[in-house]
N, C-alpha and C. Protein backbone atom coordinates (compact mmCIF):
# COMPACT_ATOMS: atom_id res chain seq x y z
N MET A 1 -110.37 39.58 37.23
CA MET A 1 -109.92 40.41 36.16
C MET A 1 -111.13 40.90 35.37
N PRO A 2 -111.14 42.24 35.12
CA PRO A 2 -112.31 42.75 34.39
C PRO A 2 -112.24 42.36 32.92
N ILE A 3 -113.38 42.20 32.35
CA ILE A 3 -113.47 41.90 30.93
C ILE A 3 -114.06 43.13 30.25
N TYR A 4 -113.33 43.61 29.25
CA TYR A 4 -113.76 44.80 28.53
C TYR A 4 -114.38 44.41 27.21
N ARG A 5 -115.34 45.20 26.83
CA ARG A 5 -115.95 45.00 25.52
C ARG A 5 -115.06 45.63 24.46
N PRO A 6 -115.00 45.07 23.31
CA PRO A 6 -114.22 45.70 22.23
C PRO A 6 -114.83 47.06 21.88
N SER A 7 -113.96 48.03 21.58
CA SER A 7 -114.44 49.36 21.16
C SER A 7 -113.60 49.86 20.00
N GLU A 8 -114.12 50.88 19.38
CA GLU A 8 -113.44 51.41 18.20
C GLU A 8 -113.68 52.92 18.13
N ALA A 9 -112.65 53.68 17.72
CA ALA A 9 -112.79 55.13 17.53
C ALA A 9 -112.31 55.46 16.12
N VAL A 10 -113.05 56.30 15.44
CA VAL A 10 -112.71 56.67 14.07
C VAL A 10 -112.76 58.19 13.97
N GLN A 11 -111.74 58.74 13.35
CA GLN A 11 -111.74 60.17 13.12
C GLN A 11 -111.20 60.42 11.72
N THR A 12 -111.83 61.31 11.01
CA THR A 12 -111.41 61.64 9.67
C THR A 12 -110.50 62.87 9.73
N ILE A 13 -109.34 62.75 9.13
CA ILE A 13 -108.39 63.86 9.08
C ILE A 13 -108.26 64.30 7.63
N ILE A 14 -108.43 65.58 7.41
CA ILE A 14 -108.29 66.12 6.05
C ILE A 14 -106.95 66.83 5.98
N LEU A 15 -106.11 66.39 5.09
CA LEU A 15 -104.81 67.02 4.89
C LEU A 15 -104.93 68.00 3.72
N ALA A 16 -104.65 69.24 4.00
CA ALA A 16 -104.74 70.25 2.95
C ALA A 16 -103.48 70.20 2.09
N ARG A 17 -103.66 70.34 0.82
CA ARG A 17 -102.53 70.38 -0.10
C ARG A 17 -101.88 71.76 0.03
N PRO A 18 -100.56 71.82 0.13
CA PRO A 18 -99.90 73.12 0.27
C PRO A 18 -100.16 74.02 -0.94
N ILE A 19 -100.29 75.30 -0.65
CA ILE A 19 -100.47 76.29 -1.71
C ILE A 19 -99.13 76.98 -1.92
N ASN A 20 -98.64 76.96 -3.13
CA ASN A 20 -97.32 77.52 -3.44
C ASN A 20 -97.33 79.04 -3.37
N THR A 21 -96.16 79.59 -2.98
CA THR A 21 -95.95 81.04 -3.00
C THR A 21 -94.68 81.33 -3.79
N VAL A 22 -94.61 82.53 -4.31
CA VAL A 22 -93.42 83.00 -5.03
C VAL A 22 -93.03 84.34 -4.42
N THR A 23 -91.76 84.47 -4.04
CA THR A 23 -91.24 85.72 -3.48
C THR A 23 -90.33 86.38 -4.51
N THR A 24 -90.51 87.69 -4.69
CA THR A 24 -89.65 88.45 -5.61
C THR A 24 -88.86 89.47 -4.81
N LEU A 25 -87.76 89.94 -5.41
CA LEU A 25 -86.86 90.88 -4.75
C LEU A 25 -86.32 91.87 -5.76
N GLU A 26 -86.45 93.16 -5.45
CA GLU A 26 -85.81 94.23 -6.23
C GLU A 26 -84.97 95.03 -5.25
N ILE A 27 -83.79 95.46 -5.72
CA ILE A 27 -82.87 96.22 -4.88
C ILE A 27 -82.60 97.54 -5.57
N ARG A 28 -82.85 98.63 -4.88
CA ARG A 28 -82.74 99.97 -5.48
C ARG A 28 -81.90 100.87 -4.58
N GLY A 29 -81.28 101.87 -5.21
CA GLY A 29 -80.40 102.78 -4.46
C GLY A 29 -80.81 104.22 -4.60
N SER A 30 -80.37 105.03 -3.64
CA SER A 30 -80.73 106.45 -3.61
C SER A 30 -80.02 107.27 -4.68
N GLU A 31 -78.95 106.74 -5.28
CA GLU A 31 -78.20 107.49 -6.29
C GLU A 31 -79.10 107.94 -7.45
N ASP A 32 -80.05 107.08 -7.86
CA ASP A 32 -80.98 107.44 -8.94
C ASP A 32 -82.41 107.56 -8.40
N ASN A 33 -82.52 107.92 -7.11
CA ASN A 33 -83.81 108.12 -6.46
C ASN A 33 -84.66 106.85 -6.47
N PHE A 34 -84.02 105.71 -6.28
CA PHE A 34 -84.67 104.40 -6.18
C PHE A 34 -85.45 104.03 -7.44
N ALA A 35 -84.96 104.49 -8.60
CA ALA A 35 -85.71 104.29 -9.85
C ALA A 35 -85.48 102.92 -10.49
N THR A 36 -84.27 102.36 -10.36
CA THR A 36 -83.98 101.12 -11.09
C THR A 36 -83.48 100.02 -10.16
N ASP A 37 -83.79 98.80 -10.55
CA ASP A 37 -83.32 97.61 -9.85
C ASP A 37 -81.87 97.39 -10.26
N ARG A 38 -80.93 97.43 -9.28
CA ARG A 38 -79.50 97.33 -9.58
C ARG A 38 -78.83 96.34 -8.65
N ARG A 39 -77.56 96.05 -8.94
CA ARG A 39 -76.77 95.15 -8.11
C ARG A 39 -75.45 95.76 -7.67
N GLU A 40 -75.20 97.04 -8.00
CA GLU A 40 -73.98 97.71 -7.56
C GLU A 40 -74.33 99.07 -6.98
N PHE A 41 -73.73 99.37 -5.81
CA PHE A 41 -74.04 100.59 -5.09
C PHE A 41 -72.78 101.21 -4.54
N SER A 42 -72.86 102.49 -4.18
CA SER A 42 -71.70 103.16 -3.57
C SER A 42 -71.85 103.11 -2.05
N THR A 43 -70.77 103.44 -1.35
CA THR A 43 -70.80 103.40 0.12
C THR A 43 -71.64 104.54 0.70
N GLU A 44 -71.91 105.58 -0.10
CA GLU A 44 -72.68 106.73 0.37
C GLU A 44 -74.16 106.61 -0.02
N GLU A 45 -74.56 105.47 -0.50
CA GLU A 45 -75.89 105.31 -1.07
C GLU A 45 -76.80 104.47 -0.18
N GLU A 46 -78.00 104.98 0.07
CA GLU A 46 -78.99 104.20 0.82
C GLU A 46 -79.54 103.10 -0.09
N VAL A 47 -79.65 101.90 0.45
CA VAL A 47 -80.15 100.76 -0.31
C VAL A 47 -81.52 100.37 0.24
N ARG A 48 -82.47 100.23 -0.67
CA ARG A 48 -83.84 99.86 -0.30
C ARG A 48 -84.26 98.64 -1.10
N ILE A 49 -84.92 97.70 -0.43
CA ILE A 49 -85.42 96.53 -1.14
C ILE A 49 -86.94 96.55 -1.14
N ASN A 50 -87.49 95.99 -2.17
CA ASN A 50 -88.94 95.83 -2.24
C ASN A 50 -89.25 94.62 -3.11
N GLY A 51 -90.44 94.13 -2.98
CA GLY A 51 -90.85 92.98 -3.76
C GLY A 51 -92.22 92.52 -3.35
N SER A 52 -92.50 91.25 -3.64
CA SER A 52 -93.83 90.73 -3.35
C SER A 52 -93.77 89.25 -2.99
N VAL A 53 -94.83 88.81 -2.34
CA VAL A 53 -95.09 87.40 -2.10
C VAL A 53 -96.46 87.14 -2.71
N THR A 54 -96.50 86.24 -3.67
CA THR A 54 -97.75 85.93 -4.35
C THR A 54 -98.07 84.46 -4.17
N ALA A 55 -99.28 84.19 -3.69
CA ALA A 55 -99.75 82.81 -3.55
C ALA A 55 -100.48 82.42 -4.84
N THR A 56 -100.43 81.16 -5.19
CA THR A 56 -101.08 80.72 -6.44
C THR A 56 -102.58 80.94 -6.41
N ASP A 57 -103.18 81.01 -5.22
CA ASP A 57 -104.62 81.29 -5.14
C ASP A 57 -104.90 82.78 -4.94
N GLY A 58 -103.86 83.62 -4.96
CA GLY A 58 -104.03 85.07 -4.85
C GLY A 58 -104.45 85.54 -3.47
N ALA A 59 -104.14 84.78 -2.44
CA ALA A 59 -104.59 85.08 -1.08
C ALA A 59 -103.98 86.35 -0.51
N ASN A 60 -104.72 86.97 0.40
CA ASN A 60 -104.26 88.12 1.15
C ASN A 60 -103.45 87.59 2.33
N LEU A 61 -102.14 87.81 2.31
CA LEU A 61 -101.25 87.34 3.36
C LEU A 61 -100.74 88.51 4.21
N SER A 62 -101.51 89.59 4.28
CA SER A 62 -101.05 90.81 4.95
C SER A 62 -100.91 90.66 6.46
N THR A 63 -101.36 89.57 7.02
CA THR A 63 -101.16 89.35 8.46
C THR A 63 -99.80 88.70 8.73
N THR A 64 -99.02 88.46 7.68
CA THR A 64 -97.73 87.79 7.83
C THR A 64 -96.59 88.76 7.52
N GLN A 65 -95.36 88.26 7.64
CA GLN A 65 -94.18 89.07 7.38
C GLN A 65 -93.15 88.27 6.60
N VAL A 66 -92.25 88.98 5.95
CA VAL A 66 -91.09 88.35 5.33
C VAL A 66 -89.88 88.66 6.22
N GLU A 67 -88.91 87.75 6.19
CA GLU A 67 -87.67 87.95 6.93
C GLU A 67 -86.61 88.43 5.96
N ILE A 68 -85.86 89.45 6.35
CA ILE A 68 -84.85 90.05 5.48
C ILE A 68 -83.47 89.80 6.08
N TYR A 69 -82.61 89.19 5.27
CA TYR A 69 -81.26 88.82 5.71
C TYR A 69 -80.22 89.55 4.87
N LEU A 70 -79.16 89.99 5.52
CA LEU A 70 -77.99 90.54 4.85
C LEU A 70 -76.82 89.68 5.30
N ASP A 71 -76.20 88.99 4.35
CA ASP A 71 -75.09 88.09 4.65
C ASP A 71 -75.47 87.06 5.73
N LYS A 72 -76.65 86.47 5.58
CA LYS A 72 -77.18 85.41 6.45
C LYS A 72 -77.50 85.86 7.87
N ILE A 73 -77.52 87.17 8.11
CA ILE A 73 -77.87 87.70 9.43
C ILE A 73 -79.21 88.41 9.31
N LEU A 74 -80.17 88.01 10.14
CA LEU A 74 -81.50 88.60 10.10
C LEU A 74 -81.41 90.08 10.42
N GLN A 75 -81.89 90.90 9.50
CA GLN A 75 -81.88 92.35 9.69
C GLN A 75 -83.22 92.86 10.21
N ALA A 76 -84.31 92.27 9.69
CA ALA A 76 -85.64 92.77 10.06
C ALA A 76 -86.71 91.82 9.55
N ARG A 77 -87.91 92.07 10.03
CA ARG A 77 -89.11 91.43 9.49
C ARG A 77 -89.98 92.55 8.96
N ALA A 78 -90.41 92.41 7.72
CA ALA A 78 -91.23 93.45 7.09
C ALA A 78 -92.64 92.91 6.86
N SER A 79 -93.61 93.72 7.22
CA SER A 79 -95.01 93.34 7.03
C SER A 79 -95.39 93.38 5.56
N LEU A 80 -96.34 92.55 5.21
CA LEU A 80 -96.85 92.52 3.84
C LEU A 80 -98.10 93.37 3.74
N THR A 81 -98.28 94.01 2.61
CA THR A 81 -99.48 94.79 2.32
C THR A 81 -100.12 94.21 1.08
N TYR A 82 -101.40 93.87 1.16
CA TYR A 82 -102.07 93.21 0.05
C TYR A 82 -102.54 94.22 -0.99
N ASP A 83 -102.27 93.93 -2.26
CA ASP A 83 -102.76 94.73 -3.39
C ASP A 83 -103.83 93.91 -4.10
N PRO A 84 -105.11 94.28 -3.95
CA PRO A 84 -106.18 93.48 -4.55
C PRO A 84 -106.18 93.50 -6.08
N VAL A 85 -105.58 94.51 -6.68
CA VAL A 85 -105.55 94.58 -8.14
C VAL A 85 -104.62 93.51 -8.71
N THR A 86 -103.40 93.44 -8.16
CA THR A 86 -102.42 92.45 -8.65
C THR A 86 -102.51 91.13 -7.89
N ARG A 87 -103.25 91.13 -6.79
CA ARG A 87 -103.39 89.97 -5.91
C ARG A 87 -102.02 89.52 -5.38
N ALA A 88 -101.15 90.51 -5.14
CA ALA A 88 -99.81 90.26 -4.60
C ALA A 88 -99.71 90.93 -3.24
N ASN A 89 -98.82 90.42 -2.41
CA ASN A 89 -98.56 90.96 -1.08
C ASN A 89 -97.20 91.65 -1.13
N LEU A 90 -97.18 92.95 -0.96
CA LEU A 90 -95.99 93.77 -1.19
C LEU A 90 -95.24 94.08 0.10
N TYR A 91 -93.93 94.28 -0.02
CA TYR A 91 -93.12 94.71 1.12
C TYR A 91 -92.09 95.72 0.65
N VAL A 92 -91.64 96.57 1.56
CA VAL A 92 -90.57 97.55 1.32
C VAL A 92 -89.76 97.64 2.61
N TYR A 93 -88.43 97.72 2.46
CA TYR A 93 -87.57 97.87 3.63
C TYR A 93 -86.28 98.57 3.23
N SER A 94 -85.84 99.50 4.05
CA SER A 94 -84.58 100.21 3.80
C SER A 94 -83.46 99.55 4.60
N LEU A 95 -82.44 99.08 3.88
CA LEU A 95 -81.25 98.51 4.52
C LEU A 95 -80.27 99.60 4.95
N GLY A 96 -80.45 100.82 4.47
CA GLY A 96 -79.54 101.90 4.79
C GLY A 96 -78.26 101.79 3.98
N LEU A 97 -77.15 102.21 4.57
CA LEU A 97 -75.85 102.15 3.90
C LEU A 97 -75.26 100.75 4.10
N ILE A 98 -74.69 100.21 3.04
CA ILE A 98 -74.07 98.89 3.11
C ILE A 98 -72.56 99.07 2.98
N PRO A 99 -71.78 98.39 3.81
CA PRO A 99 -70.32 98.55 3.74
C PRO A 99 -69.72 97.99 2.45
N GLU A 100 -68.49 98.39 2.15
CA GLU A 100 -67.79 97.91 0.96
C GLU A 100 -67.71 96.40 0.96
N GLY A 101 -67.77 95.84 -0.23
CA GLY A 101 -67.65 94.39 -0.37
C GLY A 101 -68.81 93.80 -1.15
N THR A 102 -68.84 92.48 -1.20
CA THR A 102 -69.91 91.74 -1.87
C THR A 102 -70.82 91.17 -0.80
N HIS A 103 -72.12 91.35 -0.98
CA HIS A 103 -73.09 90.95 0.04
C HIS A 103 -74.24 90.16 -0.58
N GLU A 104 -74.80 89.26 0.23
CA GLU A 104 -75.99 88.52 -0.19
C GLU A 104 -77.20 89.09 0.55
N ILE A 105 -78.23 89.44 -0.22
CA ILE A 105 -79.50 89.88 0.36
C ILE A 105 -80.51 88.77 0.08
N ARG A 106 -81.20 88.36 1.14
CA ARG A 106 -82.18 87.27 1.00
C ARG A 106 -83.47 87.68 1.69
N VAL A 107 -84.58 87.46 0.99
CA VAL A 107 -85.91 87.69 1.57
C VAL A 107 -86.59 86.33 1.64
N TYR A 108 -87.10 86.01 2.83
CA TYR A 108 -87.68 84.69 3.06
C TYR A 108 -89.10 84.82 3.59
N PHE A 109 -90.02 84.14 2.93
CA PHE A 109 -91.40 84.05 3.41
C PHE A 109 -91.55 82.69 4.07
N PRO A 110 -91.72 82.65 5.41
CA PRO A 110 -91.83 81.35 6.08
C PRO A 110 -93.20 80.71 5.83
N ARG A 111 -93.25 79.42 5.99
CA ARG A 111 -94.52 78.70 5.81
C ARG A 111 -95.57 79.31 6.73
N PHE A 112 -96.78 79.50 6.20
CA PHE A 112 -97.89 80.05 6.96
C PHE A 112 -99.13 79.24 6.65
N ARG A 113 -99.65 78.57 7.64
CA ARG A 113 -100.80 77.67 7.48
C ARG A 113 -100.54 76.72 6.32
N THR A 114 -101.35 76.80 5.26
CA THR A 114 -101.13 75.90 4.13
C THR A 114 -100.29 76.53 3.02
N TYR A 115 -99.77 77.74 3.25
CA TYR A 115 -98.97 78.43 2.24
C TYR A 115 -97.50 78.06 2.41
N SER A 116 -96.89 77.58 1.34
CA SER A 116 -95.51 77.10 1.39
C SER A 116 -94.52 78.26 1.56
N ALA A 117 -93.36 77.93 2.06
CA ALA A 117 -92.29 78.91 2.20
C ALA A 117 -91.69 79.19 0.82
N SER A 118 -91.18 80.40 0.66
CA SER A 118 -90.47 80.75 -0.58
C SER A 118 -89.44 81.83 -0.26
N ALA A 119 -88.49 82.00 -1.14
CA ALA A 119 -87.43 82.97 -0.90
C ALA A 119 -86.92 83.54 -2.21
N ALA A 120 -86.29 84.70 -2.11
CA ALA A 120 -85.61 85.33 -3.25
C ALA A 120 -84.30 85.88 -2.71
N GLN A 121 -83.25 85.82 -3.52
CA GLN A 121 -81.97 86.34 -3.06
C GLN A 121 -81.19 86.92 -4.23
N ALA A 122 -80.26 87.79 -3.88
CA ALA A 122 -79.41 88.43 -4.90
C ALA A 122 -78.09 88.80 -4.26
N ILE A 123 -77.07 88.87 -5.09
CA ILE A 123 -75.75 89.32 -4.66
C ILE A 123 -75.58 90.77 -5.10
N VAL A 124 -75.15 91.62 -4.18
CA VAL A 124 -74.90 93.02 -4.51
C VAL A 124 -73.45 93.35 -4.20
N ALA A 125 -72.94 94.35 -4.88
CA ALA A 125 -71.54 94.76 -4.68
C ALA A 125 -71.48 96.23 -4.32
N VAL A 126 -70.65 96.52 -3.37
CA VAL A 126 -70.30 97.89 -3.02
C VAL A 126 -68.78 97.95 -3.19
N PRO A 127 -68.33 98.34 -4.41
CA PRO A 127 -66.89 98.27 -4.71
C PRO A 127 -66.05 99.19 -3.83
N LEU A 128 -64.82 98.77 -3.61
CA LEU A 128 -63.84 99.60 -2.93
C LEU A 128 -63.55 100.81 -3.81
N LEU A 129 -63.18 101.91 -3.20
CA LEU A 129 -62.88 103.12 -3.96
C LEU A 129 -61.79 102.86 -5.00
N TRP A 130 -60.77 102.08 -4.62
CA TRP A 130 -59.68 101.79 -5.55
C TRP A 130 -60.21 101.05 -6.78
N GLU A 131 -61.16 100.13 -6.59
CA GLU A 131 -61.74 99.40 -7.72
C GLU A 131 -62.49 100.35 -8.65
N LYS A 132 -63.18 101.32 -8.08
CA LYS A 132 -63.90 102.30 -8.89
C LYS A 132 -62.92 103.14 -9.71
N ILE A 133 -61.80 103.50 -9.08
CA ILE A 133 -60.78 104.30 -9.78
C ILE A 133 -60.20 103.50 -10.94
N LYS A 134 -59.94 102.20 -10.73
CA LYS A 134 -59.40 101.36 -11.81
C LYS A 134 -60.38 101.27 -12.98
N VAL A 135 -61.65 101.13 -12.69
CA VAL A 135 -62.66 101.06 -13.75
C VAL A 135 -62.71 102.40 -14.49
N TRP A 136 -62.69 103.50 -13.73
CA TRP A 136 -62.72 104.82 -14.35
C TRP A 136 -61.49 105.02 -15.24
N TRP A 137 -60.31 104.66 -14.73
CA TRP A 137 -59.07 104.83 -15.49
C TRP A 137 -59.12 104.02 -16.78
N ALA A 138 -59.62 102.79 -16.69
CA ALA A 138 -59.69 101.93 -17.88
C ALA A 138 -60.65 102.49 -18.93
N SER A 139 -61.62 103.28 -18.50
CA SER A 139 -62.60 103.81 -19.45
C SER A 139 -62.10 105.05 -20.19
N LEU A 140 -60.98 105.64 -19.75
CA LEU A 140 -60.47 106.87 -20.37
C LEU A 140 -59.69 106.56 -21.65
N PRO A 141 -59.85 107.40 -22.68
CA PRO A 141 -58.99 107.26 -23.86
C PRO A 141 -57.56 107.71 -23.51
N TRP A 142 -56.60 107.35 -24.36
CA TRP A 142 -55.19 107.60 -24.04
C TRP A 142 -54.89 109.07 -23.81
N TRP A 143 -55.52 109.96 -24.58
CA TRP A 143 -55.20 111.38 -24.47
C TRP A 143 -55.71 111.96 -23.14
N GLN A 144 -56.84 111.45 -22.63
CA GLN A 144 -57.31 111.92 -21.32
C GLN A 144 -56.40 111.40 -20.20
N LYS A 145 -55.90 110.18 -20.37
CA LYS A 145 -54.94 109.66 -19.39
C LYS A 145 -53.69 110.52 -19.37
N ALA A 146 -53.23 110.94 -20.56
CA ALA A 146 -52.04 111.80 -20.65
C ALA A 146 -52.29 113.13 -19.94
N LEU A 147 -53.48 113.70 -20.12
CA LEU A 147 -53.81 114.97 -19.44
C LEU A 147 -53.83 114.80 -17.92
N VAL A 148 -54.41 113.71 -17.44
CA VAL A 148 -54.46 113.46 -16.00
C VAL A 148 -53.04 113.31 -15.44
N ILE A 149 -52.19 112.54 -16.13
CA ILE A 149 -50.81 112.34 -15.68
C ILE A 149 -50.06 113.67 -15.67
N ALA A 150 -50.24 114.47 -16.72
CA ALA A 150 -49.58 115.78 -16.79
C ALA A 150 -50.05 116.68 -15.66
N GLY A 151 -51.35 116.66 -15.37
CA GLY A 151 -51.89 117.50 -14.30
C GLY A 151 -51.37 117.08 -12.94
N VAL A 152 -51.34 115.79 -12.68
CA VAL A 152 -50.85 115.29 -11.39
C VAL A 152 -49.36 115.59 -11.25
N THR A 153 -48.61 115.39 -12.32
CA THR A 153 -47.17 115.66 -12.28
C THR A 153 -46.91 117.14 -12.01
N THR A 154 -47.63 118.02 -12.69
CA THR A 154 -47.48 119.46 -12.50
C THR A 154 -47.81 119.85 -11.06
N ALA A 155 -48.87 119.29 -10.52
CA ALA A 155 -49.26 119.59 -9.14
C ALA A 155 -48.18 119.12 -8.16
N ALA A 156 -47.64 117.93 -8.39
CA ALA A 156 -46.61 117.40 -7.50
C ALA A 156 -45.34 118.24 -7.56
N VAL A 157 -44.89 118.56 -8.78
CA VAL A 157 -43.68 119.36 -8.94
C VAL A 157 -43.89 120.76 -8.36
N GLY A 158 -45.05 121.34 -8.61
CA GLY A 158 -45.35 122.68 -8.10
C GLY A 158 -45.38 122.73 -6.59
N SER A 159 -46.00 121.75 -5.98
CA SER A 159 -46.05 121.75 -4.51
C SER A 159 -44.66 121.47 -3.94
N GLY A 160 -43.87 120.62 -4.61
CA GLY A 160 -42.50 120.38 -4.15
C GLY A 160 -41.66 121.64 -4.22
N TYR A 161 -41.84 122.41 -5.29
CA TYR A 161 -41.12 123.68 -5.44
C TYR A 161 -41.49 124.65 -4.33
N LEU A 162 -42.80 124.74 -4.01
CA LEU A 162 -43.25 125.66 -2.97
C LEU A 162 -42.72 125.24 -1.59
N ILE A 163 -42.69 123.95 -1.33
CA ILE A 163 -42.17 123.46 -0.05
C ILE A 163 -40.68 123.76 0.05
N ALA A 164 -39.93 123.52 -1.03
CA ALA A 164 -38.48 123.78 -1.04
C ALA A 164 -38.21 125.26 -0.85
N LYS A 165 -39.00 126.10 -1.49
CA LYS A 165 -38.84 127.55 -1.38
C LYS A 165 -39.09 128.01 0.05
N LYS A 166 -40.12 127.42 0.68
CA LYS A 166 -40.47 127.79 2.05
C LYS A 166 -39.39 127.35 3.02
N LEU A 167 -38.76 126.19 2.78
CA LEU A 167 -37.72 125.66 3.67
C LEU A 167 -36.45 126.51 3.60
N LYS A 168 -36.16 127.16 2.44
CA LYS A 168 -34.97 127.96 2.29
C LYS A 168 -35.06 129.26 3.09
N LYS A 169 -36.27 129.72 3.37
CA LYS A 169 -36.43 130.98 4.10
C LYS A 169 -36.02 130.87 5.50
């Protein structure tokens, strides 16, 4: 049986402390030319998201991407662009038209090297047409409601008269 000499191996491992990141999210619509961050949109309106990923050390993360989710379904990956003035990594992505209903938009920055993962999310609404009509109706003063009712009644009676007249011929 061979006899081995005792041996030893030593290696130093340096564990880097994670660097925190913060992800922001703004949601804008084409109705006002993408001017304001909003949470309610129409069905005919293009929806665009933009925001930033900022590391606490101000690092350039432009070689990475954020993941964009609509209702927990991955829609796209958007590249980051570094802004040396603000030391933030910016992204922009167009979601296009969103169907009626309430939706969750989530932007996720996955862990990259020593940079921690971060996310931002928001709930947006694309109301049904009937819901918009109810809100509009509730906003009218009584006299405008009376005018609308009178106009609709006149149109209905008038068209009924024309149809009856045509049927008699």
